[in-house]
PDB file of all heavy atoms in Angstrom:
ATOM      1  N   PRO A   1      49.753 112.187 -68.423  1.00  0.00           N
ATOM      2  CA  PRO A   1      48.947 112.899 -69.415  1.00  0.00           C
ATOM      3  C   PRO A   1      47.525 113.173 -68.937  1.00  0.00           C
ATOM      4  O   PRO A   1      46.921 112.344 -68.251  1.00  0.00           O
ATOM      5  CB  PRO A   1      48.943 111.949 -70.614  1.00  0.00           C
ATOM      6  CG  PRO A   1      49.227 110.605 -70.047  1.00  0.00           C
ATOM      7  CD  PRO A   1      50.107 110.825 -68.864  1.00  0.00           C
ATOM      8  N   LYS A   2      47.014 114.343 -69.286  1.00  0.00           N
ATOM      9  CA  LYS A   2      45.647 114.720 -68.932  1.00  0.00           C
ATOM     10  C   LYS A   2      44.650 114.351 -70.020  1.00  0.00           C
ATOM     11  O   LYS A   2      43.450 114.596 -69.870  1.00  0.00           O
ATOM     12  CB  LYS A   2      45.576 116.227 -68.666  1.00  0.00           C
ATOM     13  CG  LYS A   2      46.408 116.702 -67.492  1.00  0.00           C
ATOM     14  CD  LYS A   2      46.257 118.202 -67.292  1.00  0.00           C
ATOM     15  CE  LYS A   2      47.099 118.698 -66.121  1.00  0.00           C
ATOM     16  NZ  LYS A   2      46.959 120.160 -65.927  1.00  0.00           N
ATOM     17  N   SER A   3      45.150 113.796 -71.123  1.00  0.00           N
ATOM     18  CA  SER A   3      44.301 113.465 -72.264  1.00  0.00           C
ATOM     19  C   SER A   3      44.970 112.329 -73.027  1.00  0.00           C
ATOM     20  O   SER A   3      46.133 111.995 -72.773  1.00  0.00           O
ATOM     21  CB  SER A   3      44.146 114.709 -73.158  1.00  0.00           C
ATOM     22  OG  SER A   3      43.720 114.364 -74.462  1.00  0.00           O
ATOM     23  N   ASN A   4      44.223 111.718 -73.955  1.00  0.00           N
ATOM     24  CA  ASN A   4      44.824 110.707 -74.828  1.00  0.00           C
ATOM     25  C   ASN A   4      44.856 111.163 -76.283  1.00  0.00           C
ATOM     26  O   ASN A   4      44.981 110.351 -77.195  1.00  0.00           O
ATOM     27  CB  ASN A   4      44.076 109.375 -74.720  1.00  0.00           C
ATOM     28  CG  ASN A   4      42.663 109.453 -75.275  1.00  0.00           C
ATOM     29  OD1 ASN A   4      42.092 110.542 -75.402  1.00  0.00           O
ATOM     30  ND2 ASN A   4      42.095 108.307 -75.601  1.00  0.00           N
ATOM     31  N   LEU A   5      44.733 112.501 -76.481  1.00  0.00           N
ATOM     32  CA  LEU A   5      44.767 113.057 -77.838  1.00  0.00           C
ATOM     33  C   LEU A   5      46.193 113.505 -78.159  1.00  0.00           C
ATOM     34  O   LEU A   5      46.677 114.498 -77.614  1.00  0.00           O
ATOM     35  CB  LEU A   5      43.793 114.230 -77.967  1.00  0.00           C
ATOM     36  CG  LEU A   5      42.309 113.888 -77.836  1.00  0.00           C
ATOM     37  CD1 LEU A   5      41.474 115.148 -77.943  1.00  0.00           C
ATOM     38  CD2 LEU A   5      41.890 112.876 -78.917  1.00  0.00           C
ATOM     39  N   ALA A   6      46.846 112.766 -79.039  1.00  0.00           N
ATOM     40  CA  ALA A   6      48.234 113.063 -79.391  1.00  0.00           C
ATOM     41  C   ALA A   6      48.311 113.926 -80.641  1.00  0.00           C
ATOM     42  O   ALA A   6      47.568 113.713 -81.607  1.00  0.00           O
ATOM     43  CB  ALA A   6      49.004 111.760 -79.622  1.00  0.00           C
ATOM     44  N   SER A   7      49.201 114.892 -80.616  1.00  0.00           N
ATOM     45  CA  SER A   7      49.453 115.697 -81.803  1.00  0.00           C
ATOM     46  C   SER A   7      50.078 114.831 -82.889  1.00  0.00           C
ATOM     47  O   SER A   7      51.007 114.063 -82.639  1.00  0.00           O
ATOM     48  CB  SER A   7      50.394 116.858 -81.479  1.00  0.00           C
ATOM     49  OG  SER A   7      50.816 117.499 -82.672  1.00  0.00           O
ATOM     50  N   MET A   8      49.577 114.943 -84.112  1.00  0.00           N
ATOM     51  CA  MET A   8      50.109 114.204 -85.252  1.00  0.00           C
ATOM     52  C   MET A   8      51.196 114.993 -85.982  1.00  0.00           C
ATOM     53  O   MET A   8      51.715 114.534 -87.004  1.00  0.00           O
ATOM     54  CB  MET A   8      48.982 113.860 -86.225  1.00  0.00           C
ATOM     55  CG  MET A   8      47.912 112.960 -85.628  1.00  0.00           C
ATOM     56  SD  MET A   8      46.433 112.827 -86.673  1.00  0.00           S
ATOM     57  CE  MET A   8      47.102 112.035 -88.135  1.00  0.00           C
ATOM     58  N   GLY A   9      51.528 116.175 -85.464  1.00  0.00           N
ATOM     59  CA  GLY A   9      52.513 117.006 -86.157  1.00  0.00           C
ATOM     60  C   GLY A   9      51.980 117.591 -87.451  1.00  0.00           C
ATOM     61  O   GLY A   9      52.737 117.919 -88.363  1.00  0.00           O
ATOM     62  N   ILE A  10      50.662 117.744 -87.533  1.00  0.00           N
ATOM     63  CA  ILE A  10      49.994 118.335 -88.699  1.00  0.00           C
ATOM     64  C   ILE A  10      49.341 119.627 -88.226  1.00  0.00           C
ATOM     65  O   ILE A  10      48.411 119.603 -87.407  1.00  0.00           O
ATOM     66  CB  ILE A  10      48.945 117.382 -89.296  1.00  0.00           C
ATOM     67  CG1 ILE A  10      49.620 116.095 -89.773  1.00  0.00           C
ATOM     68  CG2 ILE A  10      48.175 118.044 -90.430  1.00  0.00           C
ATOM     69  CD1 ILE A  10      48.641 115.025 -90.225  1.00  0.00           C
ATOM     70  N   TYR A  11      49.847 120.750 -88.729  1.00  0.00           N
ATOM     71  CA  TYR A  11      49.396 122.065 -88.280  1.00  0.00           C
ATOM     72  C   TYR A  11      48.828 122.851 -89.453  1.00  0.00           C
ATOM     73  O   TYR A  11      49.453 122.923 -90.517  1.00  0.00           O
ATOM     74  CB  TYR A  11      50.557 122.870 -87.696  1.00  0.00           C
ATOM     75  CG  TYR A  11      51.359 122.175 -86.627  1.00  0.00           C
ATOM     76  CD1 TYR A  11      52.614 121.639 -86.910  1.00  0.00           C
ATOM     77  CD2 TYR A  11      50.875 122.049 -85.328  1.00  0.00           C
ATOM     78  CE1 TYR A  11      53.377 121.013 -85.937  1.00  0.00           C
ATOM     79  CE2 TYR A  11      51.624 121.422 -84.343  1.00  0.00           C
ATOM     80  CZ  TYR A  11      52.876 120.905 -84.655  1.00  0.00           C
ATOM     81  OH  TYR A  11      53.620 120.276 -83.688  1.00  0.00           O
ATOM     82  N   MET A  12      47.673 123.491 -89.236  1.00  0.00           N
ATOM     83  CA  MET A  12      47.094 124.392 -90.236  1.00  0.00           C
ATOM     84  C   MET A  12      46.994 125.774 -89.611  1.00  0.00           C
ATOM     85  O   MET A  12      46.213 126.003 -88.682  1.00  0.00           O
ATOM     86  CB  MET A  12      45.719 123.884 -90.678  1.00  0.00           C
ATOM     87  CG  MET A  12      45.153 124.603 -91.887  1.00  0.00           C
ATOM     88  SD  MET A  12      43.588 123.860 -92.443  1.00  0.00           S
ATOM     89  CE  MET A  12      44.138 122.296 -93.132  1.00  0.00           C
ATOM     90  N   PHE A  13      47.831 126.689 -90.080  1.00  0.00           N
ATOM     91  CA  PHE A  13      47.933 128.034 -89.516  1.00  0.00           C
ATOM     92  C   PHE A  13      47.324 129.085 -90.441  1.00  0.00           C
ATOM     93  O   PHE A  13      47.422 128.969 -91.671  1.00  0.00           O
ATOM     94  CB  PHE A  13      49.408 128.433 -89.335  1.00  0.00           C
ATOM     95  CG  PHE A  13      50.133 127.783 -88.201  1.00  0.00           C
ATOM     96  CD1 PHE A  13      50.872 126.629 -88.414  1.00  0.00           C
ATOM     97  CD2 PHE A  13      50.116 128.339 -86.942  1.00  0.00           C
ATOM     98  CE1 PHE A  13      51.584 126.038 -87.378  1.00  0.00           C
ATOM     99  CE2 PHE A  13      50.830 127.762 -85.900  1.00  0.00           C
ATOM    100  CZ  PHE A  13      51.561 126.604 -86.116  1.00  0.00           C
ATOM    101  N   LYS A  14      46.749 130.133 -89.838  1.00  0.00           N
ATOM    102  CA  LYS A  14      46.574 131.388 -90.572  1.00  0.00           C
ATOM    103  C   LYS A  14      47.973 131.916 -90.859  1.00  0.00           C
ATOM    104  O   LYS A  14      48.781 132.081 -89.934  1.00  0.00           O
ATOM    105  CB  LYS A  14      45.825 132.420 -89.725  1.00  0.00           C
ATOM    106  CG  LYS A  14      44.335 132.254 -89.628  1.00  0.00           C
ATOM    107  CD  LYS A  14      43.751 133.421 -88.819  1.00  0.00           C
ATOM    108  CE  LYS A  14      42.264 133.276 -88.608  1.00  0.00           C
ATOM    109  NZ  LYS A  14      41.745 134.371 -87.745  1.00  0.00           N
ATOM    110  N   TRP A  15      48.277 132.195 -92.107  1.00  0.00           N
ATOM    111  CA  TRP A  15      49.631 132.612 -92.425  1.00  0.00           C
ATOM    112  C   TRP A  15      49.982 133.951 -91.780  1.00  0.00           C
ATOM    113  O   TRP A  15      51.104 134.135 -91.279  1.00  0.00           O
ATOM    114  CB  TRP A  15      49.845 132.671 -93.932  1.00  0.00           C
ATOM    115  CG  TRP A  15      51.193 133.204 -94.321  1.00  0.00           C
ATOM    116  CD1 TRP A  15      51.460 134.244 -95.156  1.00  0.00           C
ATOM    117  CD2 TRP A  15      52.477 132.707 -93.896  1.00  0.00           C
ATOM    118  NE1 TRP A  15      52.814 134.448 -95.276  1.00  0.00           N
ATOM    119  CE2 TRP A  15      53.462 133.518 -94.509  1.00  0.00           C
ATOM    120  CE3 TRP A  15      52.882 131.687 -93.048  1.00  0.00           C
ATOM    121  CZ2 TRP A  15      54.829 133.313 -94.299  1.00  0.00           C
ATOM    122  CZ3 TRP A  15      54.242 131.484 -92.833  1.00  0.00           C
ATOM    123  CH2 TRP A  15      55.190 132.283 -93.460  1.00  0.00           C
ATOM    124  N   SER A  16      49.060 134.887 -91.740  1.00  0.00           N
ATOM    125  CA  SER A  16      49.362 136.191 -91.149  1.00  0.00           C
ATOM    126  C   SER A  16      49.754 136.045 -89.682  1.00  0.00           C
ATOM    127  O   SER A  16      50.656 136.733 -89.196  1.00  0.00           O
ATOM    128  CB  SER A  16      48.160 137.138 -91.292  1.00  0.00           C
ATOM    129  OG  SER A  16      47.015 136.577 -90.656  1.00  0.00           O
ATOM    130  N   VAL A  17      49.091 135.130 -88.975  1.00  0.00           N
ATOM    131  CA  VAL A  17      49.393 134.892 -87.566  1.00  0.00           C
ATOM    132  C   VAL A  17      50.738 134.190 -87.423  1.00  0.00           C
ATOM    133  O   VAL A  17      51.600 134.591 -86.624  1.00  0.00           O
ATOM    134  CB  VAL A  17      48.277 134.058 -86.907  1.00  0.00           C
ATOM    135  CG1 VAL A  17      48.679 133.623 -85.494  1.00  0.00           C
ATOM    136  CG2 VAL A  17      46.976 134.848 -86.870  1.00  0.00           C
ATOM    137  N   LEU A  18      50.945 133.132 -88.179  1.00  0.00           N
ATOM    138  CA  LEU A  18      52.187 132.368 -88.073  1.00  0.00           C
ATOM    139  C   LEU A  18      53.392 133.207 -88.470  1.00  0.00           C
ATOM    140  O   LEU A  18      54.443 133.141 -87.817  1.00  0.00           O
ATOM    141  CB  LEU A  18      52.113 131.117 -88.951  1.00  0.00           C
ATOM    142  CG  LEU A  18      53.381 130.252 -88.964  1.00  0.00           C
ATOM    143  CD1 LEU A  18      53.747 129.781 -87.559  1.00  0.00           C
ATOM    144  CD2 LEU A  18      53.222 129.071 -89.910  1.00  0.00           C
ATOM    145  N   ARG A  19      53.252 133.998 -89.491  1.00  0.00           N
ATOM    146  CA  ARG A  19      54.375 134.827 -89.962  1.00  0.00           C
ATOM    147  C   ARG A  19      54.876 135.742 -88.847  1.00  0.00           C
ATOM    148  O   ARG A  19      56.088 135.867 -88.613  1.00  0.00           O
ATOM    149  CB  ARG A  19      53.936 135.652 -91.178  1.00  0.00           C
ATOM    150  CG  ARG A  19      55.062 136.347 -91.917  1.00  0.00           C
ATOM    151  CD  ARG A  19      54.505 137.167 -93.066  1.00  0.00           C
ATOM    152  NE  ARG A  19      55.563 137.631 -93.940  1.00  0.00           N
ATOM    153  CZ  ARG A  19      56.364 138.659 -93.682  1.00  0.00           C
ATOM    154  NH1 ARG A  19      56.223 139.356 -92.537  1.00  0.00           N
ATOM    155  NH2 ARG A  19      57.307 139.012 -94.536  1.00  0.00           N
ATOM    156  N   LYS A  20      53.952 136.372 -88.144  1.00  0.00           N
ATOM    157  CA  LYS A  20      54.323 137.268 -87.047  1.00  0.00           C
ATOM    158  C   LYS A  20      54.997 136.485 -85.919  1.00  0.00           C
ATOM    159  O   LYS A  20      56.016 136.920 -85.367  1.00  0.00           O
ATOM    160  CB  LYS A  20      53.074 137.981 -86.534  1.00  0.00           C
ATOM    161  CG  LYS A  20      53.314 138.998 -85.416  1.00  0.00           C
ATOM    162  CD  LYS A  20      52.022 139.740 -85.100  1.00  0.00           C
ATOM    163  CE  LYS A  20      52.246 140.814 -84.034  1.00  0.00           C
ATOM    164  NZ  LYS A  20      52.601 140.233 -82.725  1.00  0.00           N
ATOM    165  N   LEU A  21      54.446 135.320 -85.585  1.00  0.00           N
ATOM    166  CA  LEU A  21      55.029 134.493 -84.522  1.00  0.00           C
ATOM    167  C   LEU A  21      56.441 134.035 -84.875  1.00  0.00           C
ATOM    168  O   LEU A  21      57.333 134.015 -84.021  1.00  0.00           O
ATOM    169  CB  LEU A  21      54.142 133.273 -84.270  1.00  0.00           C
ATOM    170  CG  LEU A  21      52.816 133.522 -83.554  1.00  0.00           C
ATOM    171  CD1 LEU A  21      51.914 132.306 -83.685  1.00  0.00           C
ATOM    172  CD2 LEU A  21      53.056 133.851 -82.084  1.00  0.00           C
ATOM    173  N   LEU A  22      56.649 133.659 -86.120  1.00  0.00           N
ATOM    174  CA  LEU A  22      57.972 133.194 -86.547  1.00  0.00           C
ATOM    175  C   LEU A  22      59.007 134.308 -86.481  1.00  0.00           C
ATOM    176  O   LEU A  22      60.159 134.095 -86.079  1.00  0.00           O
ATOM    177  CB  LEU A  22      57.902 132.631 -87.971  1.00  0.00           C
ATOM    178  CG  LEU A  22      57.123 131.330 -88.143  1.00  0.00           C
ATOM    179  CD1 LEU A  22      57.014 130.973 -89.618  1.00  0.00           C
ATOM    180  CD2 LEU A  22      57.767 130.184 -87.365  1.00  0.00           C
ATOM    181  N   LYS A  23      58.620 135.510 -86.871  1.00  0.00           N
ATOM    182  CA  LYS A  23      59.538 136.656 -86.811  1.00  0.00           C
ATOM    183  C   LYS A  23      59.954 136.929 -85.366  1.00  0.00           C
ATOM    184  O   LYS A  23      61.134 137.195 -85.083  1.00  0.00           O
ATOM    185  CB  LYS A  23      58.870 137.894 -87.414  1.00  0.00           C
ATOM    186  CG  LYS A  23      58.653 137.828 -88.925  1.00  0.00           C
ATOM    187  CD  LYS A  23      59.948 138.095 -89.670  1.00  0.00           C
ATOM    188  CE  LYS A  23      59.704 138.260 -91.155  1.00  0.00           C
ATOM    189  NZ  LYS A  23      60.960 138.567 -91.893  1.00  0.00           N
ATOM    190  N   GLU A  24      58.988 136.856 -84.458  1.00  0.00           N
ATOM    191  CA  GLU A  24      59.290 137.085 -83.047  1.00  0.00           C
ATOM    192  C   GLU A  24      60.156 135.959 -82.489  1.00  0.00           C
ATOM    193  O   GLU A  24      61.115 136.204 -81.735  1.00  0.00           O
ATOM    194  CB  GLU A  24      57.985 137.190 -82.254  1.00  0.00           C
ATOM    195  CG  GLU A  24      57.147 138.419 -82.588  1.00  0.00           C
ATOM    196  CD  GLU A  24      55.778 138.389 -81.948  1.00  0.00           C
ATOM    197  OE1 GLU A  24      55.443 137.356 -81.302  1.00  0.00           O
ATOM    198  OE2 GLU A  24      55.018 139.376 -82.092  1.00  0.00           O
ATOM    199  N   ASP A  25      59.832 134.715 -82.853  1.00  0.00           N
ATOM    200  CA  ASP A  25      60.579 133.560 -82.359  1.00  0.00           C
ATOM    201  C   ASP A  25      62.026 133.591 -82.845  1.00  0.00           C
ATOM    202  O   ASP A  25      62.944 133.220 -82.112  1.00  0.00           O
ATOM    203  CB  ASP A  25      59.892 132.275 -82.827  1.00  0.00           C
ATOM    204  CG  ASP A  25      60.602 131.032 -82.354  1.00  0.00           C
ATOM    205  OD1 ASP A  25      60.470 130.702 -81.167  1.00  0.00           O
ATOM    206  OD2 ASP A  25      61.309 130.401 -83.164  1.00  0.00           O
ATOM    207  N   HIS A  26      62.235 134.058 -84.057  1.00  0.00           N
ATOM    208  CA  HIS A  26      63.582 134.118 -84.633  1.00  0.00           C
ATOM    209  C   HIS A  26      64.504 135.029 -83.817  1.00  0.00           C
ATOM    210  O   HIS A  26      65.719 134.792 -83.733  1.00  0.00           O
ATOM    211  CB  HIS A  26      63.493 134.613 -86.076  1.00  0.00           C
ATOM    212  CG  HIS A  26      64.816 134.699 -86.769  1.00  0.00           C
ATOM    213  ND1 HIS A  26      65.579 133.594 -87.081  1.00  0.00           N
ATOM    214  CD2 HIS A  26      65.527 135.776 -87.204  1.00  0.00           C
ATOM    215  CE1 HIS A  26      66.693 133.974 -87.672  1.00  0.00           C
ATOM    216  NE2 HIS A  26      66.683 135.292 -87.763  1.00  0.00           N
ATOM    217  N   LYS A  27      63.927 136.048 -83.200  1.00  0.00           N
ATOM    218  CA  LYS A  27      64.715 137.012 -82.432  1.00  0.00           C
ATOM    219  C   LYS A  27      64.939 136.572 -80.982  1.00  0.00           C
ATOM    220  O   LYS A  27      65.679 137.231 -80.245  1.00  0.00           O
ATOM    221  CB  LYS A  27      64.002 138.375 -82.436  1.00  0.00           C
ATOM    222  CG  LYS A  27      63.877 138.990 -83.820  1.00  0.00           C
ATOM    223  CD  LYS A  27      63.062 140.272 -83.761  1.00  0.00           C
ATOM    224  CE  LYS A  27      62.870 140.867 -85.154  1.00  0.00           C
ATOM    225  NZ  LYS A  27      62.006 142.085 -85.102  1.00  0.00           N
ATOM    226  N   ASN A  28      64.316 135.473 -80.585  1.00  0.00           N
ATOM    227  CA  ASN A  28      64.391 135.025 -79.193  1.00  0.00           C
ATOM    228  C   ASN A  28      65.577 134.075 -79.012  1.00  0.00           C
ATOM    229  O   ASN A  28      65.545 132.934 -79.483  1.00  0.00           O
ATOM    230  CB  ASN A  28      63.096 134.323 -78.801  1.00  0.00           C
ATOM    231  CG  ASN A  28      63.085 133.849 -77.358  1.00  0.00           C
ATOM    232  OD1 ASN A  28      64.054 134.042 -76.618  1.00  0.00           O
ATOM    233  ND2 ASN A  28      62.002 133.219 -76.962  1.00  0.00           N
ATOM    234  N   PRO A  29      66.633 134.489 -78.310  1.00  0.00           N
ATOM    235  CA  PRO A  29      67.822 133.633 -78.161  1.00  0.00           C
ATOM    236  C   PRO A  29      67.570 132.399 -77.291  1.00  0.00           C
ATOM    237  O   PRO A  29      68.349 131.442 -77.339  1.00  0.00           O
ATOM    238  CB  PRO A  29      68.842 134.565 -77.497  1.00  0.00           C
ATOM    239  CG  PRO A  29      68.023 135.583 -76.779  1.00  0.00           C
ATOM    240  CD  PRO A  29      66.802 135.788 -77.619  1.00  0.00           C
ATOM    241  N   ASP A  30      66.493 132.416 -76.522  1.00  0.00           N
ATOM    242  CA  ASP A  30      66.205 131.283 -75.637  1.00  0.00           C
ATOM    243  C   ASP A  30      65.292 130.244 -76.286  1.00  0.00           C
ATOM    244  O   ASP A  30      65.006 129.210 -75.686  1.00  0.00           O
ATOM    245  CB  ASP A  30      65.546 131.785 -74.349  1.00  0.00           C
ATOM    246  CG  ASP A  30      66.470 132.706 -73.564  1.00  0.00           C
ATOM    247  OD1 ASP A  30      67.684 132.434 -73.539  1.00  0.00           O
ATOM    248  OD2 ASP A  30      65.965 133.694 -72.997  1.00  0.00           O
ATOM    249  N   SER A  31      64.828 130.520 -77.493  1.00  0.00           N
ATOM    250  CA  SER A  31      63.905 129.604 -78.154  1.00  0.00           C
ATOM    251  C   SER A  31      64.653 128.455 -78.831  1.00  0.00           C
ATOM    252  O   SER A  31      65.778 128.622 -79.311  1.00  0.00           O
ATOM    253  CB  SER A  31      63.084 130.352 -79.213  1.00  0.00           C
ATOM    254  OG  SER A  31      62.279 129.451 -79.953  1.00  0.00           O
ATOM    255  N   GLU A  32      64.007 127.288 -78.870  1.00  0.00           N
ATOM    256  CA  GLU A  32      64.535 126.157 -79.645  1.00  0.00           C
ATOM    257  C   GLU A  32      63.962 126.154 -81.056  1.00  0.00           C
ATOM    258  O   GLU A  32      64.241 125.256 -81.849  1.00  0.00           O
ATOM    259  CB  GLU A  32      64.205 124.837 -78.939  1.00  0.00           C
ATOM    260  CG  GLU A  32      64.907 124.684 -77.599  1.00  0.00           C
ATOM    261  CD  GLU A  32      64.659 123.323 -76.966  1.00  0.00           C
ATOM    262  OE1 GLU A  32      64.711 122.313 -77.698  1.00  0.00           O
ATOM    263  OE2 GLU A  32      64.408 123.285 -75.744  1.00  0.00           O
ATOM    264  N   HIS A  33      63.129 127.150 -81.373  1.00  0.00           N
ATOM    265  CA  HIS A  33      62.561 127.345 -82.709  1.00  0.00           C
ATOM    266  C   HIS A  33      61.810 126.103 -83.177  1.00  0.00           C
ATOM    267  O   HIS A  33      61.973 125.634 -84.307  1.00  0.00           O
ATOM    268  CB  HIS A  33      63.651 127.744 -83.708  1.00  0.00           C
ATOM    269  CG  HIS A  33      64.536 128.857 -83.217  1.00  0.00           C
ATOM    270  ND1 HIS A  33      64.039 130.110 -82.909  1.00  0.00           N
ATOM    271  CD2 HIS A  33      65.860 128.894 -82.939  1.00  0.00           C
ATOM    272  CE1 HIS A  33      65.029 130.885 -82.478  1.00  0.00           C
ATOM    273  NE2 HIS A  33      66.138 130.167 -82.481  1.00  0.00           N
ATOM    274  N   ASP A  34      60.963 125.597 -82.266  1.00  0.00           N
ATOM    275  CA  ASP A  34      60.236 124.362 -82.505  1.00  0.00           C
ATOM    276  C   ASP A  34      58.736 124.626 -82.308  1.00  0.00           C
ATOM    277  O   ASP A  34      58.350 125.366 -81.401  1.00  0.00           O
ATOM    278  CB  ASP A  34      60.720 123.291 -81.527  1.00  0.00           C
ATOM    279  CG  ASP A  34      60.054 121.955 -81.743  1.00  0.00           C
ATOM    280  OD1 ASP A  34      60.519 121.201 -82.614  1.00  0.00           O
ATOM    281  OD2 ASP A  34      59.067 121.661 -81.039  1.00  0.00           O
ATOM    282  N   PHE A  35      57.905 124.015 -83.145  1.00  0.00           N
ATOM    283  CA  PHE A  35      56.465 124.242 -83.015  1.00  0.00           C
ATOM    284  C   PHE A  35      55.933 123.726 -81.683  1.00  0.00           C
ATOM    285  O   PHE A  35      55.217 124.431 -80.974  1.00  0.00           O
ATOM    286  CB  PHE A  35      55.714 123.583 -84.181  1.00  0.00           C
ATOM    287  CG  PHE A  35      55.804 124.367 -85.454  1.00  0.00           C
ATOM    288  CD1 PHE A  35      56.522 123.882 -86.530  1.00  0.00           C
ATOM    289  CD2 PHE A  35      55.183 125.599 -85.574  1.00  0.00           C
ATOM    290  CE1 PHE A  35      56.623 124.601 -87.699  1.00  0.00           C
ATOM    291  CE2 PHE A  35      55.272 126.343 -86.746  1.00  0.00           C
ATOM    292  CZ  PHE A  35      56.003 125.834 -87.819  1.00  0.00           C
ATOM    293  N   GLY A  36      56.272 122.491 -81.322  1.00  0.00           N
ATOM    294  CA  GLY A  36      55.743 121.907 -80.095  1.00  0.00           C
ATOM    295  C   GLY A  36      56.276 122.544 -78.830  1.00  0.00           C
ATOM    296  O   GLY A  36      55.555 122.690 -77.843  1.00  0.00           O
ATOM    297  N   LYS A  37      57.551 122.942 -78.842  1.00  0.00           N
ATOM    298  CA  LYS A  37      58.182 123.469 -77.640  1.00  0.00           C
ATOM    299  C   LYS A  37      58.022 124.978 -77.483  1.00  0.00           C
ATOM    300  O   LYS A  37      58.074 125.500 -76.365  1.00  0.00           O
ATOM    301  CB  LYS A  37      59.666 123.122 -77.638  1.00  0.00           C
ATOM    302  CG  LYS A  37      59.940 121.624 -77.554  1.00  0.00           C
ATOM    303  CD  LYS A  37      61.422 121.328 -77.643  1.00  0.00           C
ATOM    304  CE  LYS A  37      61.701 119.829 -77.601  1.00  0.00           C
ATOM    305  NZ  LYS A  37      63.139 119.525 -77.765  1.00  0.00           N
ATOM    306  N   ASP A  38      57.855 125.698 -78.605  1.00  0.00           N
ATOM    307  CA  ASP A  38      57.872 127.168 -78.526  1.00  0.00           C
ATOM    308  C   ASP A  38      56.624 127.834 -79.106  1.00  0.00           C
ATOM    309  O   ASP A  38      55.960 128.613 -78.415  1.00  0.00           O
ATOM    310  CB  ASP A  38      59.117 127.701 -79.262  1.00  0.00           C
ATOM    311  CG  ASP A  38      60.404 127.128 -78.707  1.00  0.00           C
ATOM    312  OD1 ASP A  38      60.774 127.501 -77.584  1.00  0.00           O
ATOM    313  OD2 ASP A  38      61.026 126.281 -79.382  1.00  0.00           O
ATOM    314  N   ILE A  39      56.298 127.532 -80.357  1.00  0.00           N
ATOM    315  CA  ILE A  39      55.228 128.269 -81.034  1.00  0.00           C
ATOM    316  C   ILE A  39      53.862 127.961 -80.436  1.00  0.00           C
ATOM    317  O   ILE A  39      53.095 128.877 -80.095  1.00  0.00           O
ATOM    318  CB  ILE A  39      55.233 127.957 -82.554  1.00  0.00           C
ATOM    319  CG1 ILE A  39      56.576 128.341 -83.180  1.00  0.00           C
ATOM    320  CG2 ILE A  39      54.074 128.692 -83.241  1.00  0.00           C
ATOM    321  CD1 ILE A  39      56.917 129.806 -83.102  1.00  0.00           C
ATOM    322  N   ILE A  40      53.528 126.669 -80.293  1.00  0.00           N
ATOM    323  CA  ILE A  40      52.199 126.301 -79.777  1.00  0.00           C
ATOM    324  C   ILE A  40      52.010 126.779 -78.337  1.00  0.00           C
ATOM    325  O   ILE A  40      50.977 127.389 -78.014  1.00  0.00           O
ATOM    326  CB  ILE A  40      51.970 124.782 -79.898  1.00  0.00           C
ATOM    327  CG1 ILE A  40      52.077 124.341 -81.365  1.00  0.00           C
ATOM    328  CG2 ILE A  40      50.621 124.397 -79.310  1.00  0.00           C
ATOM    329  CD1 ILE A  40      51.163 125.062 -82.323  1.00  0.00           C
ATOM    330  N   PRO A  41      52.985 126.563 -77.424  1.00  0.00           N
ATOM    331  CA  PRO A  41      52.809 127.098 -76.058  1.00  0.00           C
ATOM    332  C   PRO A  41      52.631 128.613 -76.032  1.00  0.00           C
ATOM    333  O   PRO A  41      51.822 129.137 -75.242  1.00  0.00           O
ATOM    334  CB  PRO A  41      54.098 126.671 -75.349  1.00  0.00           C
ATOM    335  CG  PRO A  41      54.527 125.435 -76.067  1.00  0.00           C
ATOM    336  CD  PRO A  41      54.180 125.692 -77.497  1.00  0.00           C
ATOM    337  N   LYS A  42      53.362 129.333 -76.880  1.00  0.00           N
ATOM    338  CA  LYS A  42      53.213 130.794 -76.898  1.00  0.00           C
ATOM    339  C   LYS A  42      51.813 131.193 -77.342  1.00  0.00           C
ATOM    340  O   LYS A  42      51.221 132.136 -76.805  1.00  0.00           O
ATOM    341  CB  LYS A  42      54.268 131.421 -77.813  1.00  0.00           C
ATOM    342  CG  LYS A  42      54.192 132.939 -77.829  1.00  0.00           C
ATOM    343  CD  LYS A  42      55.325 133.572 -78.618  1.00  0.00           C
ATOM    344  CE  LYS A  42      55.221 135.092 -78.571  1.00  0.00           C
ATOM    345  NZ  LYS A  42      56.334 135.753 -79.296  1.00  0.00           N
ATOM    346  N   MET A  43      51.280 130.485 -78.328  1.00  0.00           N
ATOM    347  CA  MET A  43      49.933 130.797 -78.800  1.00  0.00           C
ATOM    348  C   MET A  43      48.909 130.582 -77.683  1.00  0.00           C
ATOM    349  O   MET A  43      47.998 131.400 -77.501  1.00  0.00           O
ATOM    350  CB  MET A  43      49.590 129.948 -80.019  1.00  0.00           C
ATOM    351  CG  MET A  43      50.453 130.240 -81.246  1.00  0.00           C
ATOM    352  SD  MET A  43      50.019 129.230 -82.680  1.00  0.00           S
ATOM    353  CE  MET A  43      48.523 130.072 -83.241  1.00  0.00           C
ATOM    354  N   LEU A  44      49.048 129.497 -76.939  1.00  0.00           N
ATOM    355  CA  LEU A  44      48.140 129.238 -75.824  1.00  0.00           C
ATOM    356  C   LEU A  44      48.250 130.316 -74.755  1.00  0.00           C
ATOM    357  O   LEU A  44      47.241 130.838 -74.258  1.00  0.00           O
ATOM    358  CB  LEU A  44      48.439 127.868 -75.217  1.00  0.00           C
ATOM    359  CG  LEU A  44      47.800 126.654 -75.887  1.00  0.00           C
ATOM    360  CD1 LEU A  44      48.386 125.371 -75.326  1.00  0.00           C
ATOM    361  CD2 LEU A  44      46.276 126.667 -75.701  1.00  0.00           C
TER     362      LEU A  44
END
């Protein structure tokens, strides 16, 4: 690990941003549809 800051699994999203990301993620056959594995890395 490069840090000691662990995610608590508590996310506060702009809904307009998250809604668009979820729609795109839903269409991705390679996604696991997970915040930690898919949504957060894509945002970065």
